Amino acid sequence: MKAKKKELAESIATSIEAKLSGSAAASKKFKKAIEKSADKLAKKLVKLYKKANKAAKPKAKATPKAKKAKPAPATAA
């Protein structure tokens, strides 16, 4: 999942930098801010993806536990 997250973050950052081509996109601060935001977004997307997959899987039915038999009351002899 880490590889997917990293690849997604790089893809997001690259597409944002491409859309904002110009002098502002060339600054180091700008690139760092874009990469940081892309990492956060990728992390959230991966989390949502995991949650969706977990919800889509059918839960295995648990077998009911057998009740323990109570010992018979002792009679006084």
C-alpha atoms as a PDB file:
ATOM      1  CA  MET A   1       0.000   0.000   0.000  1.00  0.00           C
ATOM      2  CA  LYS A   2       2.919   2.341   0.636  1.00  0.00           C
ATOM      3  CA  ALA A   3       3.992   2.030  -2.982  1.00  0.00           C
ATOM      4  CA  LYS A   4       0.482   2.835  -4.187  1.00  0.00           C
ATOM      5  CA  LYS A   5       0.290   5.826  -1.867  1.00  0.00           C
ATOM      6  CA  LYS A   6       3.665   7.137  -3.036  1.00  0.00           C
ATOM      7  CA  GLU A   7       2.786   6.643  -6.697  1.00  0.00           C
ATOM      8  CA  LEU A   8      -0.569   8.380  -6.220  1.00  0.00           C
ATOM      9  CA  ALA A   9       1.045  11.319  -4.416  1.00  0.00           C
ATOM     10  CA  GLU A  10       3.622  11.735  -7.183  1.00  0.00           C
ATOM     11  CA  SER A  11       0.906  11.607  -9.817  1.00  0.00           C
ATOM     12  CA  ILE A  12      -1.173  14.243  -8.013  1.00  0.00           C
ATOM     13  CA  ALA A  13       1.830  16.521  -7.534  1.00  0.00           C
ATOM     14  CA  THR A  14       2.898  16.182 -11.158  1.00  0.00           C
ATOM     15  CA  SER A  15      -0.556  16.975 -12.506  1.00  0.00           C
ATOM     16  CA  ILE A  16      -0.925  20.032 -10.238  1.00  0.00           C
ATOM     17  CA  GLU A  17       2.501  21.347 -11.249  1.00  0.00           C
ATOM     18  CA  ALA A  18       1.602  20.830 -14.914  1.00  0.00           C
ATOM     19  CA  LYS A  19      -1.639  22.810 -14.515  1.00  0.00           C
ATOM     20  CA  LEU A  20       0.145  25.619 -12.685  1.00  0.00           C
ATOM     21  CA  SER A  21       3.038  25.942 -15.085  1.00  0.00           C
ATOM     22  CA  GLY A  22       4.836  29.231 -14.838  1.00  0.00           C
ATOM     23  CA  SER A  23       7.230  31.091 -12.615  1.00  0.00           C
ATOM     24  CA  ALA A  24       5.328  30.353  -9.388  1.00  0.00           C
ATOM     25  CA  ALA A  25       5.542  26.600  -9.938  1.00  0.00           C
ATOM     26  CA  ALA A  26       9.307  26.780 -10.186  1.00  0.00           C
ATOM     27  CA  SER A  27       9.931  27.900  -6.597  1.00  0.00           C
ATOM     28  CA  LYS A  28      11.089  25.301  -4.084  1.00  0.00           C
ATOM     29  CA  LYS A  29       8.541  26.357  -1.462  1.00  0.00           C
ATOM     30  CA  PHE A  30       5.741  25.976  -3.947  1.00  0.00           C
ATOM     31  CA  LYS A  31       6.856  22.500  -5.003  1.00  0.00           C
ATOM     32  CA  LYS A  32       7.297  21.424  -1.389  1.00  0.00           C
ATOM     33  CA  ALA A  33       3.794  22.630  -0.494  1.00  0.00           C
ATOM     34  CA  ILE A  34       2.307  20.780  -3.467  1.00  0.00           C
ATOM     35  CA  GLU A  35       4.137  17.555  -2.552  1.00  0.00           C
ATOM     36  CA  LYS A  36       3.054  17.811   1.089  1.00  0.00           C
ATOM     37  CA  SER A  37      -0.580  18.357   0.127  1.00  0.00           C
ATOM     38  CA  ALA A  38      -0.417  15.533  -2.421  1.00  0.00           C
ATOM     39  CA  ASP A  39       0.937  13.173   0.259  1.00  0.00           C
ATOM     40  CA  LYS A  40      -1.915  14.065   2.619  1.00  0.00           C
ATOM     41  CA  LEU A  41      -4.493  13.587  -0.115  1.00  0.00           C
ATOM     42  CA  ALA A  42      -3.008  10.256  -1.187  1.00  0.00           C
ATOM     43  CA  LYS A  43      -3.024   9.064   2.431  1.00  0.00           C
ATOM     44  CA  LYS A  44      -6.710   9.929   2.780  1.00  0.00           C
ATOM     45  CA  LEU A  45      -7.577   8.283  -0.523  1.00  0.00           C
ATOM     46  CA  VAL A  46      -5.784   5.064   0.414  1.00  0.00           C
ATOM     47  CA  LYS A  47      -7.585   5.065   3.767  1.00  0.00           C
ATOM     48  CA  LEU A  48     -10.964   5.461   2.027  1.00  0.00           C
ATOM     49  CA  TYR A  49     -10.026   2.725  -0.456  1.00  0.00           C
ATOM     50  CA  LYS A  50      -9.206   0.320   2.384  1.00  0.00           C
ATOM     51  CA  LYS A  51     -12.442   1.204   4.173  1.00  0.00           C
ATOM     52  CA  ALA A  52     -14.493   0.602   1.015  1.00  0.00           C
ATOM     53  CA  ASN A  53     -12.836  -2.764   0.436  1.00  0.00           C
ATOM     54  CA  LYS A  54     -13.395  -3.794   4.031  1.00  0.00           C
ATOM     55  CA  ALA A  55     -17.090  -2.870   3.827  1.00  0.00           C
ATOM     56  CA  ALA A  56     -17.514  -4.734   0.534  1.00  0.00           C
ATOM     57  CA  LYS A  57     -16.231  -8.017   1.919  1.00  0.00           C
ATOM     58  CA  PRO A  58     -18.965 -10.220   3.371  1.00  0.00           C
ATOM     59  CA  LYS A  59     -18.424 -11.059   6.997  1.00  0.00           C
ATOM     60  CA  ALA A  60     -17.998 -14.703   7.895  1.00  0.00           C
ATOM     61  CA  LYS A  61     -20.757 -15.883  10.150  1.00  0.00           C
ATOM     62  CA  ALA A  62     -19.526 -16.843  13.549  1.00  0.00           C
ATOM     63  CA  THR A  63     -20.600 -20.220  14.785  1.00  0.00           C
ATOM     64  CA  PRO A  64     -22.703 -20.029  17.929  1.00  0.00           C
ATOM     65  CA  LYS A  65     -20.899 -21.109  21.048  1.00  0.00           C
ATOM     66  CA  ALA A  66     -22.162 -24.196  22.800  1.00  0.00           C
ATOM     67  CA  LYS A  67     -23.574 -23.481  26.217  1.00  0.00           C
ATOM     68  CA  LYS A  68     -21.897 -25.183  29.100  1.00  0.00           C
ATOM     69  CA  ALA A  69     -24.088 -27.674  30.911  1.00  0.00           C
ATOM     70  CA  LYS A  70     -24.760 -26.760  34.505  1.00  0.00           C
ATOM     71  CA  PRO A  71     -23.937 -29.500  36.986  1.00  0.00           C
ATOM     72  CA  ALA A  72     -26.935 -31.210  38.529  1.00  0.00           C
ATOM     73  CA  PRO A  73     -27.703 -30.053  42.058  1.00  0.00           C
ATOM     74  CA  ALA A  74     -26.254 -32.415  44.644  1.00  0.00           C
ATOM     75  CA  THR A  75     -28.813 -34.198  46.790  1.00  0.00           C
ATOM     76  CA  ALA A  76     -28.129 -34.801  50.451  1.00  0.00           C
ATOM     77  CA  ALA A  77     -28.041 -38.460  51.330  1.00  0.00           C
END
